[in-house]
Amino acid sequence: MNENRNEIESAIKSRYALLASDPSREKAFPVGPASAKKLGYPPMDIDSLPKAVSESFAGVGNPFQLGELGAGLTVLDIGCGAGMDSVLASKLVGPSGKVIGIDLVPEMVAKATANAQASDIHNATFVVGNAEKIPLPNDSVDVIITNGVFNLCVDKPQVIHEMCRVLKPGGRLQMADVFLEDQVTPEELRGLGGWSE
């Protein structure tokens, strides 16, 4: 499993490092501001962001449609990518709240950090981290958002354990993701390509 895990994580890191540096090269799935708008993000919110904030967006849905984020909340963005959801969350929780973005890909964390600065966001921090070992204490966040990341995680039960560990009592998870349907055969699955495709 470790060899397979290393191959999977290496493929994910390579693909998303390229998406951070050159989003125009992504052809397998929709990315960028047009994709965000199609997924239900308010166009005014997306258009108000600097181009760099939304150009590497690779989400599969809009986790903000699952519940409001109020002032003063602590939000964890698992698989924050280039930080678009984190920037939007930071505006919603205001200066009394905070957002922590974690991502497996160092290039995405660097871009998210730069994007927060370009957006004049001061209540967000970004760290390289794995969802299977979230670098936060127990009961430390009010809301977890994640967008198109859970399907990329190798040990999903461990990720769920970690999310439950860091959520405060009464906290909530707002997740957008993709799942295979039961009728997909192993042959069809092999034809879909690599883990990160």
N, C-alpha and C. Protein backbone atom coordinates (compact mmCIF):
# COMPACT_ATOMS: atom_id res chain seq x y z
N MET A 1 0.82 -1.20 0.00
CA MET A 1 0.00 0.00 0.00
C MET A 1 0.86 1.26 0.00
N ASN A 2 2.01 1.26 0.73
CA ASN A 2 2.85 2.47 0.78
C ASN A 2 3.38 2.85 -0.58
N GLU A 3 3.77 1.84 -1.39
CA GLU A 3 4.27 2.13 -2.73
C GLU A 3 3.15 2.73 -3.58
N ASN A 4 1.97 2.15 -3.50
CA ASN A 4 0.82 2.67 -4.23
C ASN A 4 0.47 4.07 -3.73
N ARG A 5 0.48 4.26 -2.41
CA ARG A 5 0.20 5.56 -1.82
C ARG A 5 1.19 6.60 -2.33
N ASN A 6 2.47 6.26 -2.36
CA ASN A 6 3.48 7.21 -2.83
C ASN A 6 3.26 7.57 -4.29
N GLU A 7 2.89 6.59 -5.11
CA GLU A 7 2.60 6.86 -6.52
C GLU A 7 1.40 7.79 -6.66
N ILE A 8 0.36 7.52 -5.88
CA ILE A 8 -0.86 8.35 -5.94
C ILE A 8 -0.55 9.78 -5.52
N GLU A 9 0.12 9.93 -4.38
CA GLU A 9 0.43 11.28 -3.89
C GLU A 9 1.37 12.01 -4.84
N SER A 10 2.29 11.29 -5.45
CA SER A 10 3.20 11.92 -6.41
C SER A 10 2.42 12.41 -7.64
N ALA A 11 1.48 11.61 -8.12
CA ALA A 11 0.66 12.01 -9.28
C ALA A 11 -0.19 13.23 -8.94
N ILE A 12 -0.77 13.24 -7.75
CA ILE A 12 -1.59 14.38 -7.33
C ILE A 12 -0.73 15.64 -7.24
N LYS A 13 0.42 15.52 -6.60
CA LYS A 13 1.29 16.68 -6.45
C LYS A 13 1.73 17.22 -7.81
N SER A 14 2.09 16.33 -8.73
CA SER A 14 2.53 16.78 -10.05
C SER A 14 1.42 17.49 -10.80
N ARG A 15 0.25 16.89 -10.80
CA ARG A 15 -0.86 17.47 -11.55
C ARG A 15 -1.26 18.84 -11.00
N TYR A 16 -1.37 18.95 -9.67
CA TYR A 16 -1.84 20.19 -9.09
C TYR A 16 -0.75 21.25 -8.98
N ALA A 17 0.51 20.84 -8.98
CA ALA A 17 1.59 21.83 -9.08
C ALA A 17 1.54 22.51 -10.44
N LEU A 18 1.27 21.73 -11.48
CA LEU A 18 1.13 22.29 -12.83
C LEU A 18 -0.09 23.20 -12.90
N LEU A 19 -1.18 22.81 -12.26
CA LEU A 19 -2.38 23.64 -12.24
C LEU A 19 -2.11 24.97 -11.53
N ALA A 20 -1.28 24.95 -10.51
CA ALA A 20 -0.93 26.19 -9.81
C ALA A 20 -0.12 27.11 -10.71
N SER A 21 0.83 26.55 -11.46
CA SER A 21 1.72 27.38 -12.25
C SER A 21 1.17 27.74 -13.63
N ASP A 22 0.36 26.85 -14.23
CA ASP A 22 -0.12 27.09 -15.58
C ASP A 22 -1.52 26.48 -15.75
N PRO A 23 -2.55 27.14 -15.20
CA PRO A 23 -3.89 26.57 -15.27
C PRO A 23 -4.42 26.39 -16.69
N SER A 24 -3.89 27.11 -17.64
CA SER A 24 -4.39 26.98 -19.02
C SER A 24 -4.06 25.62 -19.62
N ARG A 25 -3.14 24.88 -19.03
CA ARG A 25 -2.77 23.57 -19.57
C ARG A 25 -3.72 22.46 -19.13
N GLU A 26 -4.60 22.74 -18.17
CA GLU A 26 -5.54 21.71 -17.70
C GLU A 26 -6.64 21.52 -18.73
N LYS A 27 -6.75 20.31 -19.26
CA LYS A 27 -7.74 20.01 -20.30
C LYS A 27 -8.73 18.92 -19.87
N ALA A 28 -8.41 18.15 -18.82
CA ALA A 28 -9.25 17.01 -18.46
C ALA A 28 -10.51 17.42 -17.69
N PHE A 29 -10.45 18.50 -16.94
CA PHE A 29 -11.64 18.95 -16.22
C PHE A 29 -11.68 20.46 -16.18
N PRO A 30 -12.88 21.03 -16.01
CA PRO A 30 -13.01 22.49 -16.04
C PRO A 30 -12.35 23.15 -14.83
N VAL A 31 -11.67 24.26 -15.08
CA VAL A 31 -11.04 25.03 -14.01
C VAL A 31 -11.30 26.51 -14.25
N GLY A 32 -11.03 27.30 -13.23
CA GLY A 32 -11.07 28.74 -13.38
C GLY A 32 -12.39 29.38 -13.02
N PRO A 33 -12.48 30.69 -13.25
CA PRO A 33 -13.67 31.45 -12.84
C PRO A 33 -14.95 31.03 -13.56
N ALA A 34 -14.87 30.68 -14.83
CA ALA A 34 -16.08 30.25 -15.54
C ALA A 34 -16.65 28.98 -14.92
N SER A 35 -15.76 28.07 -14.54
CA SER A 35 -16.21 26.84 -13.89
C SER A 35 -16.87 27.14 -12.54
N ALA A 36 -16.27 28.04 -11.77
CA ALA A 36 -16.84 28.41 -10.47
C ALA A 36 -18.25 28.97 -10.63
N LYS A 37 -18.43 29.81 -11.61
CA LYS A 37 -19.77 30.39 -11.85
C LYS A 37 -20.78 29.31 -12.24
N LYS A 38 -20.36 28.35 -13.08
CA LYS A 38 -21.26 27.26 -13.47
C LYS A 38 -21.65 26.40 -12.27
N LEU A 39 -20.78 26.35 -11.26
CA LEU A 39 -21.04 25.55 -10.08
C LEU A 39 -21.86 26.29 -9.02
N GLY A 40 -22.28 27.50 -9.33
CA GLY A 40 -23.18 28.20 -8.43
C GLY A 40 -22.57 29.30 -7.59
N TYR A 41 -21.31 29.62 -7.80
CA TYR A 41 -20.73 30.76 -7.10
C TYR A 41 -21.32 32.03 -7.70
N PRO A 42 -21.67 33.00 -6.87
CA PRO A 42 -22.21 34.25 -7.43
C PRO A 42 -21.18 34.93 -8.34
N PRO A 43 -21.56 35.24 -9.58
CA PRO A 43 -20.61 35.88 -10.50
C PRO A 43 -19.97 37.14 -9.92
N MET A 44 -20.74 37.92 -9.16
CA MET A 44 -20.19 39.15 -8.59
C MET A 44 -19.04 38.84 -7.63
N ASP A 45 -19.17 37.74 -6.85
CA ASP A 45 -18.10 37.36 -5.93
C ASP A 45 -16.84 36.94 -6.69
N ILE A 46 -17.02 36.16 -7.74
CA ILE A 46 -15.88 35.68 -8.52
C ILE A 46 -15.22 36.83 -9.27
N ASP A 47 -16.03 37.69 -9.87
CA ASP A 47 -15.48 38.80 -10.64
C ASP A 47 -14.76 39.82 -9.76
N SER A 48 -15.07 39.85 -8.47
CA SER A 48 -14.42 40.80 -7.57
C SER A 48 -13.02 40.36 -7.15
N LEU A 49 -12.67 39.11 -7.46
CA LEU A 49 -11.37 38.57 -7.05
C LEU A 49 -10.30 38.89 -8.09
N PRO A 50 -9.05 39.08 -7.63
CA PRO A 50 -7.96 39.16 -8.60
C PRO A 50 -7.91 37.87 -9.44
N LYS A 51 -7.51 37.99 -10.71
CA LYS A 51 -7.52 36.84 -11.62
C LYS A 51 -6.77 35.63 -11.06
N ALA A 52 -5.64 35.87 -10.42
CA ALA A 52 -4.82 34.76 -9.91
C ALA A 52 -5.56 33.93 -8.86
N VAL A 53 -6.52 34.54 -8.17
CA VAL A 53 -7.24 33.83 -7.11
C VAL A 53 -8.16 32.76 -7.68
N SER A 54 -8.77 33.02 -8.82
CA SER A 54 -9.74 32.07 -9.37
C SER A 54 -9.21 31.25 -10.55
N GLU A 55 -8.08 31.62 -11.13
CA GLU A 55 -7.63 30.95 -12.36
C GLU A 55 -7.28 29.48 -12.15
N SER A 56 -6.84 29.09 -10.95
CA SER A 56 -6.48 27.69 -10.67
C SER A 56 -7.58 26.96 -9.91
N PHE A 57 -8.77 27.55 -9.79
CA PHE A 57 -9.88 26.91 -9.10
C PHE A 57 -10.21 25.60 -9.80
N ALA A 58 -10.26 24.51 -9.02
CA ALA A 58 -10.54 23.19 -9.59
C ALA A 58 -11.62 22.46 -8.80
N GLY A 59 -12.50 23.22 -8.17
CA GLY A 59 -13.56 22.62 -7.38
C GLY A 59 -14.60 21.92 -8.24
N VAL A 60 -15.45 21.13 -7.57
CA VAL A 60 -16.48 20.36 -8.26
C VAL A 60 -17.89 20.79 -7.84
N GLY A 61 -17.97 21.74 -6.93
CA GLY A 61 -19.25 22.22 -6.44
C GLY A 61 -19.04 23.50 -5.66
N ASN A 62 -20.06 23.90 -4.92
CA ASN A 62 -19.97 25.12 -4.13
C ASN A 62 -20.33 24.79 -2.68
N PRO A 63 -19.33 24.56 -1.82
CA PRO A 63 -19.62 24.20 -0.44
C PRO A 63 -20.32 25.30 0.36
N PHE A 64 -20.28 26.53 -0.13
CA PHE A 64 -20.93 27.64 0.58
C PHE A 64 -22.45 27.55 0.49
N GLN A 65 -22.96 26.79 -0.47
CA GLN A 65 -24.40 26.62 -0.59
C GLN A 65 -24.96 25.71 0.51
N LEU A 66 -24.09 25.06 1.26
CA LEU A 66 -24.53 24.10 2.28
C LEU A 66 -24.72 24.74 3.65
N GLY A 67 -24.39 25.99 3.81
CA GLY A 67 -24.58 26.66 5.09
C GLY A 67 -23.85 27.98 5.11
N GLU A 68 -24.38 28.90 5.88
CA GLU A 68 -23.77 30.23 5.97
C GLU A 68 -22.57 30.22 6.90
N LEU A 69 -21.60 31.05 6.57
CA LEU A 69 -20.45 31.27 7.43
C LEU A 69 -20.62 32.65 8.06
N GLY A 70 -20.66 32.69 9.38
CA GLY A 70 -20.87 33.96 10.07
C GLY A 70 -19.60 34.52 10.66
N ALA A 71 -19.71 35.75 11.09
CA ALA A 71 -18.57 36.45 11.68
C ALA A 71 -18.02 35.68 12.88
N GLY A 72 -16.70 35.65 12.97
CA GLY A 72 -16.03 35.07 14.12
C GLY A 72 -15.78 33.59 14.06
N LEU A 73 -16.24 32.91 13.04
CA LEU A 73 -16.03 31.46 12.95
C LEU A 73 -14.59 31.14 12.54
N THR A 74 -14.14 29.96 12.96
CA THR A 74 -12.87 29.41 12.50
C THR A 74 -13.20 28.34 11.47
N VAL A 75 -12.65 28.51 10.26
CA VAL A 75 -12.94 27.63 9.14
C VAL A 75 -11.67 26.94 8.69
N LEU A 76 -11.76 25.64 8.47
CA LEU A 76 -10.66 24.86 7.90
C LEU A 76 -11.04 24.51 6.47
N ASP A 77 -10.16 24.86 5.53
CA ASP A 77 -10.35 24.53 4.12
C ASP A 77 -9.38 23.41 3.77
N ILE A 78 -9.91 22.17 3.70
CA ILE A 78 -9.07 21.01 3.41
C ILE A 78 -8.89 20.89 1.90
N GLY A 79 -7.64 20.88 1.46
CA GLY A 79 -7.35 20.87 0.03
C GLY A 79 -7.63 22.24 -0.56
N CYS A 80 -7.09 23.25 0.07
CA CYS A 80 -7.42 24.64 -0.26
C CYS A 80 -6.98 25.05 -1.66
N GLY A 81 -6.09 24.29 -2.28
CA GLY A 81 -5.63 24.66 -3.61
C GLY A 81 -5.06 26.07 -3.61
N ALA A 82 -5.40 26.83 -4.63
CA ALA A 82 -4.88 28.20 -4.77
C ALA A 82 -5.60 29.20 -3.89
N GLY A 83 -6.56 28.73 -3.09
CA GLY A 83 -7.12 29.56 -2.04
C GLY A 83 -8.40 30.31 -2.34
N MET A 84 -9.06 30.03 -3.47
CA MET A 84 -10.27 30.80 -3.77
C MET A 84 -11.34 30.64 -2.69
N ASP A 85 -11.64 29.40 -2.30
CA ASP A 85 -12.65 29.20 -1.26
C ASP A 85 -12.20 29.80 0.07
N SER A 86 -10.92 29.73 0.36
CA SER A 86 -10.41 30.32 1.61
C SER A 86 -10.57 31.83 1.61
N VAL A 87 -10.28 32.47 0.49
CA VAL A 87 -10.43 33.92 0.38
C VAL A 87 -11.90 34.31 0.57
N LEU A 88 -12.80 33.58 -0.09
CA LEU A 88 -14.22 33.87 0.07
C LEU A 88 -14.68 33.64 1.51
N ALA A 89 -14.22 32.55 2.12
CA ALA A 89 -14.58 32.27 3.52
C ALA A 89 -14.04 33.35 4.45
N SER A 90 -12.83 33.83 4.19
CA SER A 90 -12.22 34.86 5.03
C SER A 90 -13.06 36.13 5.05
N LYS A 91 -13.62 36.47 3.90
CA LYS A 91 -14.49 37.65 3.83
C LYS A 91 -15.77 37.42 4.62
N LEU A 92 -16.29 36.21 4.61
CA LEU A 92 -17.54 35.91 5.31
C LEU A 92 -17.38 35.87 6.82
N VAL A 93 -16.25 35.37 7.31
CA VAL A 93 -16.06 35.28 8.77
C VAL A 93 -15.52 36.58 9.35
N GLY A 94 -15.04 37.47 8.50
CA GLY A 94 -14.60 38.79 8.93
C GLY A 94 -13.34 38.77 9.77
N PRO A 95 -12.92 39.94 10.22
CA PRO A 95 -11.66 40.04 10.96
C PRO A 95 -11.66 39.32 12.30
N SER A 96 -12.83 39.04 12.85
CA SER A 96 -12.88 38.31 14.12
C SER A 96 -12.83 36.80 13.91
N GLY A 97 -12.93 36.35 12.67
CA GLY A 97 -12.83 34.94 12.36
C GLY A 97 -11.49 34.62 11.74
N LYS A 98 -11.30 33.34 11.43
CA LYS A 98 -10.04 32.97 10.76
C LYS A 98 -10.27 31.75 9.88
N VAL A 99 -9.41 31.63 8.90
CA VAL A 99 -9.45 30.51 7.97
C VAL A 99 -8.07 29.89 7.91
N ILE A 100 -8.04 28.57 8.00
CA ILE A 100 -6.80 27.82 7.85
C ILE A 100 -6.96 26.94 6.62
N GLY A 101 -6.09 27.11 5.65
CA GLY A 101 -6.11 26.27 4.46
C GLY A 101 -4.96 25.29 4.49
N ILE A 102 -5.25 24.02 4.24
CA ILE A 102 -4.18 23.02 4.13
C ILE A 102 -4.27 22.38 2.74
N ASP A 103 -3.11 22.05 2.21
CA ASP A 103 -3.05 21.38 0.92
C ASP A 103 -1.80 20.53 0.87
N LEU A 104 -1.89 19.43 0.16
CA LEU A 104 -0.77 18.50 -0.01
C LEU A 104 0.31 19.06 -0.93
N VAL A 105 -0.05 20.04 -1.75
CA VAL A 105 0.83 20.53 -2.82
C VAL A 105 1.47 21.86 -2.42
N PRO A 106 2.79 21.89 -2.20
CA PRO A 106 3.46 23.13 -1.78
C PRO A 106 3.23 24.30 -2.73
N GLU A 107 3.18 24.02 -4.03
CA GLU A 107 2.97 25.10 -4.99
C GLU A 107 1.59 25.74 -4.84
N MET A 108 0.60 24.94 -4.49
CA MET A 108 -0.73 25.49 -4.24
C MET A 108 -0.75 26.33 -2.96
N VAL A 109 -0.07 25.87 -1.94
CA VAL A 109 -0.02 26.63 -0.68
C VAL A 109 0.67 27.97 -0.91
N ALA A 110 1.74 27.97 -1.69
CA ALA A 110 2.43 29.23 -2.00
C ALA A 110 1.51 30.16 -2.78
N LYS A 111 0.76 29.61 -3.73
CA LYS A 111 -0.14 30.45 -4.52
C LYS A 111 -1.29 30.96 -3.65
N ALA A 112 -1.83 30.12 -2.77
CA ALA A 112 -2.90 30.56 -1.87
C ALA A 112 -2.43 31.69 -0.97
N THR A 113 -1.23 31.58 -0.46
CA THR A 113 -0.67 32.63 0.39
C THR A 113 -0.56 33.94 -0.38
N ALA A 114 -0.04 33.87 -1.59
CA ALA A 114 0.08 35.07 -2.44
C ALA A 114 -1.30 35.62 -2.79
N ASN A 115 -2.26 34.72 -3.05
CA ASN A 115 -3.61 35.16 -3.40
C ASN A 115 -4.31 35.86 -2.24
N ALA A 116 -4.09 35.39 -1.02
CA ALA A 116 -4.66 36.07 0.15
C ALA A 116 -4.08 37.46 0.28
N GLN A 117 -2.77 37.59 0.08
CA GLN A 117 -2.14 38.91 0.15
C GLN A 117 -2.67 39.83 -0.95
N ALA A 118 -2.82 39.31 -2.16
CA ALA A 118 -3.33 40.12 -3.27
C ALA A 118 -4.77 40.55 -3.05
N SER A 119 -5.51 39.77 -2.24
CA SER A 119 -6.91 40.07 -1.94
C SER A 119 -7.07 40.88 -0.66
N ASP A 120 -5.94 41.29 -0.06
CA ASP A 120 -5.94 42.05 1.19
C ASP A 120 -6.64 41.30 2.32
N ILE A 121 -6.40 39.98 2.36
CA ILE A 121 -6.94 39.10 3.40
C ILE A 121 -5.87 38.91 4.47
N HIS A 122 -6.25 39.17 5.72
CA HIS A 122 -5.29 39.06 6.82
C HIS A 122 -5.68 38.01 7.86
N ASN A 123 -6.79 37.33 7.65
CA ASN A 123 -7.25 36.35 8.64
C ASN A 123 -7.19 34.92 8.11
N ALA A 124 -6.30 34.68 7.14
CA ALA A 124 -6.14 33.34 6.58
C ALA A 124 -4.67 32.94 6.60
N THR A 125 -4.44 31.69 6.95
CA THR A 125 -3.09 31.12 6.90
C THR A 125 -3.16 29.82 6.10
N PHE A 126 -2.05 29.48 5.48
CA PHE A 126 -2.01 28.31 4.62
C PHE A 126 -0.78 27.48 4.97
N VAL A 127 -0.99 26.15 5.06
CA VAL A 127 0.11 25.25 5.39
C VAL A 127 0.06 24.02 4.50
N VAL A 128 1.23 23.47 4.23
CA VAL A 128 1.29 22.19 3.54
C VAL A 128 0.88 21.13 4.55
N GLY A 129 -0.08 20.32 4.19
CA GLY A 129 -0.56 19.31 5.12
C GLY A 129 -1.38 18.25 4.41
N ASN A 130 -1.56 17.14 5.09
CA ASN A 130 -2.30 16.00 4.57
C ASN A 130 -3.60 15.88 5.36
N ALA A 131 -4.70 15.66 4.67
CA ALA A 131 -6.00 15.53 5.33
C ALA A 131 -6.05 14.33 6.27
N GLU A 132 -5.12 13.39 6.11
CA GLU A 132 -5.09 12.22 6.98
C GLU A 132 -4.41 12.53 8.32
N LYS A 133 -3.77 13.68 8.41
CA LYS A 133 -3.12 14.10 9.65
C LYS A 133 -3.18 15.62 9.70
N ILE A 134 -4.34 16.14 10.02
CA ILE A 134 -4.57 17.57 10.01
C ILE A 134 -3.74 18.23 11.11
N PRO A 135 -2.94 19.23 10.76
CA PRO A 135 -2.03 19.85 11.74
C PRO A 135 -2.72 20.88 12.64
N LEU A 136 -3.81 20.45 13.30
CA LEU A 136 -4.56 21.32 14.21
C LEU A 136 -4.94 20.53 15.45
N PRO A 137 -5.16 21.24 16.56
CA PRO A 137 -5.57 20.54 17.78
C PRO A 137 -7.03 20.07 17.72
N ASN A 138 -7.38 19.21 18.63
CA ASN A 138 -8.76 18.74 18.78
C ASN A 138 -9.70 19.91 19.00
N ASP A 139 -10.93 19.77 18.52
CA ASP A 139 -12.00 20.74 18.80
C ASP A 139 -11.58 22.18 18.52
N SER A 140 -10.98 22.42 17.35
CA SER A 140 -10.42 23.75 17.10
C SER A 140 -11.10 24.51 15.96
N VAL A 141 -12.00 23.88 15.20
CA VAL A 141 -12.63 24.59 14.09
C VAL A 141 -14.15 24.46 14.16
N ASP A 142 -14.82 25.51 13.68
CA ASP A 142 -16.29 25.52 13.66
C ASP A 142 -16.85 24.87 12.41
N VAL A 143 -16.18 25.10 11.28
CA VAL A 143 -16.67 24.61 9.99
C VAL A 143 -15.49 24.11 9.17
N ILE A 144 -15.67 22.97 8.54
CA ILE A 144 -14.71 22.48 7.54
C ILE A 144 -15.38 22.61 6.18
N ILE A 145 -14.64 23.22 5.25
CA ILE A 145 -15.08 23.21 3.85
C ILE A 145 -14.05 22.41 3.06
N THR A 146 -14.53 21.72 2.06
CA THR A 146 -13.64 20.98 1.18
C THR A 146 -14.34 20.81 -0.16
N ASN A 147 -13.57 20.91 -1.23
CA ASN A 147 -14.18 21.00 -2.55
C ASN A 147 -13.38 20.17 -3.55
N GLY A 148 -13.87 18.97 -3.83
CA GLY A 148 -13.22 18.12 -4.82
C GLY A 148 -11.94 17.48 -4.33
N VAL A 149 -11.84 17.25 -3.02
CA VAL A 149 -10.60 16.74 -2.43
C VAL A 149 -10.76 15.34 -1.86
N PHE A 150 -11.90 15.06 -1.25
CA PHE A 150 -12.09 13.78 -0.57
C PHE A 150 -11.86 12.61 -1.52
N ASN A 151 -12.27 12.75 -2.77
CA ASN A 151 -12.09 11.67 -3.74
C ASN A 151 -10.62 11.39 -4.01
N LEU A 152 -9.74 12.35 -3.74
CA LEU A 152 -8.30 12.18 -3.96
C LEU A 152 -7.59 11.58 -2.75
N CYS A 153 -8.27 11.48 -1.63
CA CYS A 153 -7.65 10.98 -0.40
C CYS A 153 -7.55 9.46 -0.44
N VAL A 154 -6.40 8.95 -0.04
CA VAL A 154 -6.16 7.51 -0.09
C VAL A 154 -6.90 6.80 1.04
N ASP A 155 -6.77 7.29 2.27
CA ASP A 155 -7.36 6.64 3.45
C ASP A 155 -8.56 7.46 3.92
N LYS A 156 -9.69 7.26 3.26
CA LYS A 156 -10.88 8.06 3.55
C LYS A 156 -11.37 7.92 4.99
N PRO A 157 -11.40 6.71 5.59
CA PRO A 157 -11.81 6.62 7.00
C PRO A 157 -10.92 7.46 7.93
N GLN A 158 -9.62 7.51 7.65
CA GLN A 158 -8.71 8.31 8.46
C GLN A 158 -9.01 9.80 8.30
N VAL A 159 -9.34 10.22 7.08
CA VAL A 159 -9.68 11.63 6.84
C VAL A 159 -10.94 12.00 7.63
N ILE A 160 -11.94 11.12 7.60
CA ILE A 160 -13.17 11.39 8.36
C ILE A 160 -12.86 11.46 9.85
N HIS A 161 -12.02 10.55 10.33
CA HIS A 161 -11.61 10.59 11.75
C HIS A 161 -10.97 11.94 12.09
N GLU A 162 -10.07 12.40 11.22
CA GLU A 162 -9.38 13.67 11.47
C GLU A 162 -10.35 14.86 11.43
N MET A 163 -11.28 14.83 10.50
CA MET A 163 -12.26 15.92 10.45
C MET A 163 -13.07 15.96 11.73
N CYS A 164 -13.51 14.81 12.19
CA CYS A 164 -14.28 14.75 13.45
C CYS A 164 -13.43 15.21 14.63
N ARG A 165 -12.16 14.88 14.62
CA ARG A 165 -11.27 15.26 15.72
C ARG A 165 -11.12 16.77 15.83
N VAL A 166 -10.94 17.45 14.72
CA VAL A 166 -10.67 18.90 14.78
C VAL A 166 -11.93 19.75 14.87
N LEU A 167 -13.09 19.20 14.49
CA LEU A 167 -14.33 19.97 14.60
C LEU A 167 -14.73 20.14 16.06
N LYS A 168 -15.17 21.34 16.40
CA LYS A 168 -15.73 21.59 17.73
C LYS A 168 -17.06 20.86 17.84
N PRO A 169 -17.50 20.56 19.07
CA PRO A 169 -18.84 20.00 19.21
C PRO A 169 -19.87 20.93 18.56
N GLY A 170 -20.73 20.37 17.74
CA GLY A 170 -21.71 21.17 17.02
C GLY A 170 -21.19 21.76 15.72
N GLY A 171 -19.91 21.53 15.43
CA GLY A 171 -19.34 22.02 14.17
C GLY A 171 -19.91 21.27 12.99
N ARG A 172 -19.60 21.75 11.80
CA ARG A 172 -20.17 21.12 10.62
C ARG A 172 -19.16 21.02 9.47
N LEU A 173 -19.47 20.08 8.59
CA LEU A 173 -18.69 19.83 7.38
C LEU A 173 -19.52 20.26 6.19
N GLN A 174 -18.93 21.07 5.29
CA GLN A 174 -19.58 21.49 4.05
C GLN A 174 -18.70 21.01 2.90
N MET A 175 -19.09 19.87 2.32
CA MET A 175 -18.25 19.20 1.33
C MET A 175 -18.93 19.13 -0.03
N ALA A 176 -18.17 19.47 -1.06
CA ALA A 176 -18.57 19.22 -2.44
C ALA A 176 -17.57 18.22 -2.99
N ASP A 177 -18.05 17.15 -3.59
CA ASP A 177 -17.12 16.16 -4.12
C ASP A 177 -17.79 15.32 -5.20
N VAL A 178 -17.02 14.42 -5.78
CA VAL A 178 -17.51 13.49 -6.79
C VAL A 178 -17.35 12.07 -6.26
N PHE A 179 -18.27 11.22 -6.66
CA PHE A 179 -18.24 9.83 -6.23
C PHE A 179 -18.58 8.94 -7.42
N LEU A 180 -18.02 7.74 -7.42
CA LEU A 180 -18.39 6.76 -8.44
C LEU A 180 -19.74 6.14 -8.08
N GLU A 181 -20.53 5.90 -9.08
CA GLU A 181 -21.80 5.22 -8.86
C GLU A 181 -21.56 3.72 -8.81
N ASP A 182 -22.47 3.00 -8.15
CA ASP A 182 -22.30 1.55 -7.94
C ASP A 182 -22.15 0.76 -9.23
N GLN A 183 -22.80 1.20 -10.31
CA GLN A 183 -22.78 0.41 -11.54
C GLN A 183 -21.49 0.56 -12.35
N VAL A 184 -20.55 1.39 -11.93
CA VAL A 184 -19.28 1.52 -12.65
C VAL A 184 -18.47 0.24 -12.44
N THR A 185 -18.09 -0.38 -13.54
CA THR A 185 -17.36 -1.65 -13.47
C THR A 185 -15.86 -1.39 -13.29
N PRO A 186 -15.13 -2.40 -12.80
CA PRO A 186 -13.67 -2.25 -12.68
C PRO A 186 -13.01 -1.92 -14.02
N GLU A 187 -13.54 -2.47 -15.11
CA GLU A 187 -12.99 -2.19 -16.44
C GLU A 187 -13.18 -0.72 -16.80
N GLU A 188 -14.38 -0.20 -16.53
CA GLU A 188 -14.65 1.22 -16.80
C GLU A 188 -13.76 2.10 -15.94
N LEU A 189 -13.57 1.70 -14.71
CA LEU A 189 -12.72 2.46 -13.78
C LEU A 189 -11.29 2.53 -14.29
N ARG A 190 -10.75 1.40 -14.76
CA ARG A 190 -9.39 1.41 -15.30
C ARG A 190 -9.28 2.34 -16.50
N GLY A 191 -10.33 2.45 -17.28
CA GLY A 191 -10.32 3.31 -18.45
C GLY A 191 -10.41 4.79 -18.13
N LEU A 192 -10.70 5.12 -16.87
CA LEU A 192 -10.83 6.53 -16.49
C LEU A 192 -9.49 7.21 -16.32
N GLY A 193 -8.42 6.45 -16.19
CA GLY A 193 -7.10 7.04 -16.04
C GLY A 193 -6.59 6.95 -14.61
N GLY A 194 -5.62 7.80 -14.29
CA GLY A 194 -4.96 7.78 -12.99
C GLY A 194 -5.83 8.35 -11.88
N TRP A 195 -5.35 8.19 -10.67
CA TRP A 195 -6.05 8.61 -9.47
C TRP A 195 -6.42 10.09 -9.52
N SER A 196 -5.54 10.90 -10.05
CA SER A 196 -5.77 12.35 -10.03
C SER A 196 -6.45 12.87 -11.29
N GLU A 197 -6.89 11.98 -12.18
CA GLU A 197 -7.50 12.43 -13.44
C GLU A 197 -9.00 12.45 -13.37
